[in-house]
C-alpha atoms as a PDB file:
ATOM      1  CA  MET A   1      -7.264 -22.568  44.224  1.00  0.00           C
ATOM      2  CA  ARG A   2      -4.496 -19.950  43.143  1.00  0.00           C
ATOM      3  CA  ARG A   3      -2.765 -22.306  41.030  1.00  0.00           C
ATOM      4  CA  ARG A   4      -5.669 -23.062  39.029  1.00  0.00           C
ATOM      5  CA  ASP A   5      -6.586 -19.530  38.202  1.00  0.00           C
ATOM      6  CA  ILE A   6      -3.089 -18.757  37.098  1.00  0.00           C
ATOM      7  CA  ILE A   7      -2.965 -21.716  34.652  1.00  0.00           C
ATOM      8  CA  SER A   8      -6.500 -20.614  33.647  1.00  0.00           C
ATOM      9  CA  GLY A   9      -5.249 -16.952  33.079  1.00  0.00           C
ATOM     10  CA  VAL A  10      -2.420 -17.951  31.333  1.00  0.00           C
ATOM     11  CA  LEU A  11      -4.206 -20.099  28.906  1.00  0.00           C
ATOM     12  CA  THR A  12      -6.814 -17.598  28.137  1.00  0.00           C
ATOM     13  CA  ILE A  13      -3.926 -15.377  27.238  1.00  0.00           C
ATOM     14  CA  VAL A  14      -2.270 -17.899  24.976  1.00  0.00           C
ATOM     15  CA  LEU A  15      -5.777 -18.833  23.173  1.00  0.00           C
ATOM     16  CA  LEU A  16      -6.354 -14.924  22.486  1.00  0.00           C
ATOM     17  CA  ALA A  17      -2.732 -14.534  21.166  1.00  0.00           C
ATOM     18  CA  LEU A  18      -3.169 -17.600  18.777  1.00  0.00           C
ATOM     19  CA  THR A  19      -6.461 -16.942  17.517  1.00  0.00           C
ATOM     20  CA  CYS A  20      -6.407 -12.910  17.295  1.00  0.00           C
ATOM     21  CA  LYS A  21      -6.277 -12.958  13.314  1.00  0.00           C
ATOM     22  CA  HIS A  22      -9.770 -14.484  13.400  1.00  0.00           C
ATOM     23  CA  TRP A  23     -11.508 -11.884  15.550  1.00  0.00           C
ATOM     24  CA  LEU A  24      -9.113  -9.150  15.759  1.00  0.00           C
ATOM     25  CA  ILE A  25     -10.207  -6.435  12.980  1.00  0.00           C
ATOM     26  CA  PHE A  26      -7.544  -4.310  11.079  1.00  0.00           C
ATOM     27  CA  LYS A  27      -8.569  -1.213   9.600  1.00  0.00           C
ATOM     28  CA  PRO A  28      -8.027  -0.830   5.905  1.00  0.00           C
ATOM     29  CA  MET A  29      -4.848   1.472   5.137  1.00  0.00           C
ATOM     30  CA  PRO A  30      -6.326   4.316   2.828  1.00  0.00           C
ATOM     31  CA  VAL A  31      -3.598   5.536   0.244  1.00  0.00           C
ATOM     32  CA  SER A  32      -4.092   8.124  -2.347  1.00  0.00           C
ATOM     33  CA  PHE A  33      -2.218  10.459  -4.897  1.00  0.00           C
ATOM     34  CA  LEU A  34      -3.021  12.702  -7.950  1.00  0.00           C
ATOM     35  CA  VAL A  35      -1.844  11.602 -11.095  1.00  0.00           C
ATOM     36  CA  LYS A  36      -1.827  14.048 -14.350  1.00  0.00           C
ATOM     37  CA  GLY A  37      -1.428  12.470 -17.885  1.00  0.00           C
ATOM     38  CA  ASN A  38      -3.610  11.411 -20.915  1.00  0.00           C
ATOM     39  CA  GLY A  39      -4.257   7.826 -21.569  1.00  0.00           C
ATOM     40  CA  SER A  40      -5.248   4.243 -19.772  1.00  0.00           C
ATOM     41  CA  TYR A  41      -3.184   3.579 -17.022  1.00  0.00           C
ATOM     42  CA  THR A  42      -2.953   0.833 -14.415  1.00  0.00           C
ATOM     43  CA  PHE A  43      -1.539   1.725 -10.891  1.00  0.00           C
ATOM     44  CA  THR A  44      -0.546  -1.130  -8.728  1.00  0.00           C
ATOM     45  CA  VAL A  45       0.178   0.375  -5.116  1.00  0.00           C
ATOM     46  CA  GLN A  46       2.054  -2.572  -2.913  1.00  0.00           C
ATOM     47  CA  LEU A  47       3.217  -2.013   0.701  1.00  0.00           C
ATOM     48  CA  ASN A  48       6.110  -4.349   2.070  1.00  0.00           C
ATOM     49  CA  LYS A  49       6.050  -5.492   5.435  1.00  0.00           C
ATOM     50  CA  LYS A  50      10.173  -5.700   5.668  1.00  0.00           C
ATOM     51  CA  ASN A  51      12.619  -3.053   4.778  1.00  0.00           C
ATOM     52  CA  ASN A  52      13.833  -4.380   1.895  1.00  0.00           C
ATOM     53  CA  ASN A  53      13.711  -4.345  -2.095  1.00  0.00           C
ATOM     54  CA  GLU A  54      12.745  -7.760  -2.381  1.00  0.00           C
ATOM     55  CA  PHE A  55       8.927  -7.227  -1.718  1.00  0.00           C
ATOM     56  CA  LYS A  56       8.154 -10.759  -0.581  1.00  0.00           C
ATOM     57  CA  LYS A  57       5.392 -10.213   1.702  1.00  0.00           C
ATOM     58  CA  ILE A  58       3.128  -7.534  -0.030  1.00  0.00           C
ATOM     59  CA  LYS A  59      -0.211  -6.102   0.197  1.00  0.00           C
ATOM     60  CA  GLN A  60      -1.417  -4.457  -2.817  1.00  0.00           C
ATOM     61  CA  CYS A  61      -4.523  -2.984  -4.301  1.00  0.00           C
ATOM     62  CA  THR A  62      -4.693  -2.128  -8.090  1.00  0.00           C
ATOM     63  CA  ILE A  63      -6.181   1.120  -9.734  1.00  0.00           C
ATOM     64  CA  LYS A  64      -7.502   1.594 -13.002  1.00  0.00           C
ATOM     65  CA  LYS A  65      -8.026   5.114 -14.597  1.00  0.00           C
ATOM     66  CA  HIS A  66      -8.316   6.786 -17.801  1.00  0.00           C
ATOM     67  CA  LEU A  67      -6.751  10.242 -17.469  1.00  0.00           C
ATOM     68  CA  THR A  68      -7.729  13.511 -19.920  1.00  0.00           C
ATOM     69  CA  GLY A  69      -4.974  16.116 -18.892  1.00  0.00           C
ATOM     70  CA  GLY A  70      -5.834  17.515 -15.604  1.00  0.00           C
ATOM     71  CA  TYR A  71      -5.043  16.088 -11.973  1.00  0.00           C
ATOM     72  CA  GLU A  72      -7.199  13.171 -11.038  1.00  0.00           C
ATOM     73  CA  LYS A  73      -7.174  11.645  -7.429  1.00  0.00           C
ATOM     74  CA  CYS A  74      -6.428   7.703  -6.943  1.00  0.00           C
ATOM     75  CA  GLU A  75      -7.722   5.840  -4.005  1.00  0.00           C
ATOM     76  CA  CYS A  76      -7.556   2.512  -2.707  1.00  0.00           C
ATOM     77  CA  LYS A  77      -7.781   0.477   0.649  1.00  0.00           C
ATOM     78  CA  ILE A  78      -5.218  -1.989   1.409  1.00  0.00           C
ATOM     79  CA  ASP A  79      -6.969  -4.526   3.831  1.00  0.00           C
ATOM     80  CA  ARG A  80      -4.800  -6.277   6.910  1.00  0.00           C
ATOM     81  CA  VAL A  81      -1.952  -4.322   6.577  1.00  0.00           C
ATOM     82  CA  ARG A  82       0.143  -3.883  10.109  1.00  0.00           C
ATOM     83  CA  PHE A  83       3.403  -1.317   9.791  1.00  0.00           C
ATOM     84  CA  PRO A  84       4.479  -0.971   6.213  1.00  0.00           C
ATOM     85  CA  LYS A  85       7.903  -0.449   5.877  1.00  0.00           C
ATOM     86  CA  ARG A  86       8.197   0.302   2.036  1.00  0.00           C
ATOM     87  CA  LEU A  87       5.805   1.589  -0.867  1.00  0.00           C
ATOM     88  CA  ARG A  88       6.008   0.607  -4.287  1.00  0.00           C
ATOM     89  CA  LEU A  89       4.070   2.039  -6.869  1.00  0.00           C
ATOM     90  CA  VAL A  90       3.812   0.285 -10.401  1.00  0.00           C
ATOM     91  CA  VAL A  91       2.225   2.232 -13.332  1.00  0.00           C
ATOM     92  CA  ASN A  92       1.605  -0.013 -16.384  1.00  0.00           C
ATOM     93  CA  THR A  93       0.205   2.025 -19.755  1.00  0.00           C
ATOM     94  CA  SER A  94       0.624   1.253 -23.640  1.00  0.00           C
ATOM     95  CA  ASP A  95       0.819   5.135 -24.042  1.00  0.00           C
ATOM     96  CA  VAL A  96       3.908   6.641 -23.981  1.00  0.00           C
ATOM     97  CA  SER A  97       3.092   9.638 -22.795  1.00  0.00           C
ATOM     98  CA  PRO A  98       4.297  11.483 -19.528  1.00  0.00           C
ATOM     99  CA  ILE A  99       2.651  11.460 -15.979  1.00  0.00           C
ATOM    100  CA  GLU A 100       3.137  13.233 -13.258  1.00  0.00           C
ATOM    101  CA  ILE A 101       2.197  11.792  -9.685  1.00  0.00           C
ATOM    102  CA  LYS A 102       2.029  14.226  -6.636  1.00  0.00           C
ATOM    103  CA  ASP A 103       0.903  13.987  -2.817  1.00  0.00           C
ATOM    104  CA  ILE A 104       1.033  10.645  -2.093  1.00  0.00           C
ATOM    105  CA  THR A 105      -0.824   9.960   1.112  1.00  0.00           C
ATOM    106  CA  LEU A 106      -1.137   6.824   3.689  1.00  0.00           C
ATOM    107  CA  LYS A 107      -3.608   6.751   6.350  1.00  0.00           C
ATOM    108  CA  ASN A 108      -5.592  10.358   5.416  1.00  0.00           C
ATOM    109  CA  GLY A 109      -2.694  12.433   5.445  1.00  0.00           C
ATOM    110  CA  LYS A 110      -0.859  11.009   8.281  1.00  0.00           C
ATOM    111  CA  TYR A 111       1.959   9.930   6.272  1.00  0.00           C
ATOM    112  CA  LYS A 112       2.498  12.145   2.975  1.00  0.00           C
ATOM    113  CA  LEU A 113       5.009  12.155   0.289  1.00  0.00           C
ATOM    114  CA  PRO A 114       5.048  15.303  -1.289  1.00  0.00           C
ATOM    115  CA  SER A 115       6.501  14.444  -4.994  1.00  0.00           C
ATOM    116  CA  VAL A 116       7.954  11.200  -7.038  1.00  0.00           C
ATOM    117  CA  SER A 117      11.195  12.891  -7.322  1.00  0.00           C
ATOM    118  CA  GLU A 118      12.185  11.076  -3.995  1.00  0.00           C
ATOM    119  CA  PHE A 119      11.592   7.913  -5.260  1.00  0.00           C
ATOM    120  CA  ALA A 120      13.921   5.881  -7.732  1.00  0.00           C
ATOM    121  CA  LEU A 121      12.641   4.911 -11.237  1.00  0.00           C
ATOM    122  CA  HIS A 122      13.206   1.015 -12.197  1.00  0.00           C
ATOM    123  CA  ASN A 123      12.356  -0.354 -15.493  1.00  0.00           C
ATOM    124  CA  ALA A 124      10.810   2.783 -16.900  1.00  0.00           C
ATOM    125  CA  LEU A 125      10.131   1.491 -20.416  1.00  0.00           C
ATOM    126  CA  PRO A 126       6.899   2.312 -22.664  1.00  0.00           C
ATOM    127  CA  GLY A 127       4.259  -0.208 -21.628  1.00  0.00           C
ATOM    128  CA  GLY A 128       5.032  -0.697 -17.912  1.00  0.00           C
ATOM    129  CA  GLY A 129       7.363   0.238 -15.303  1.00  0.00           C
ATOM    130  CA  GLY A 130       7.500   1.044 -11.347  1.00  0.00           C
ATOM    131  CA  ILE A 131       8.681   3.619  -9.045  1.00  0.00           C
ATOM    132  CA  SER A 132       9.812   2.181  -5.460  1.00  0.00           C
END
């Protein structure tokens, strides 16, 4: 009798672990930032699970905004994110006018990056570029 209970308990735990993606609900991770500029922009927020620059296992969301000079808040929610290690913000535009990004927050302010000066610019050309 005891052996049967132990085996059924172990099988139950194994089945729950194998099927957790189907019944376990993950809260989406909210990402928001303030942006200032002129023109139409497309922002792609990417979160990487691994702590490397390759961004192979990414989750992302895309925000399209038309900016008119003042600070505007951009928000998106990325689904099924667990413990992201890297953030990449890709900005695409046809305009050459500069933009300013500040107050990047993850998880409703639990993690906050005050300014973009902490990031490195990669391929910052008119028509598209990325910050990571």
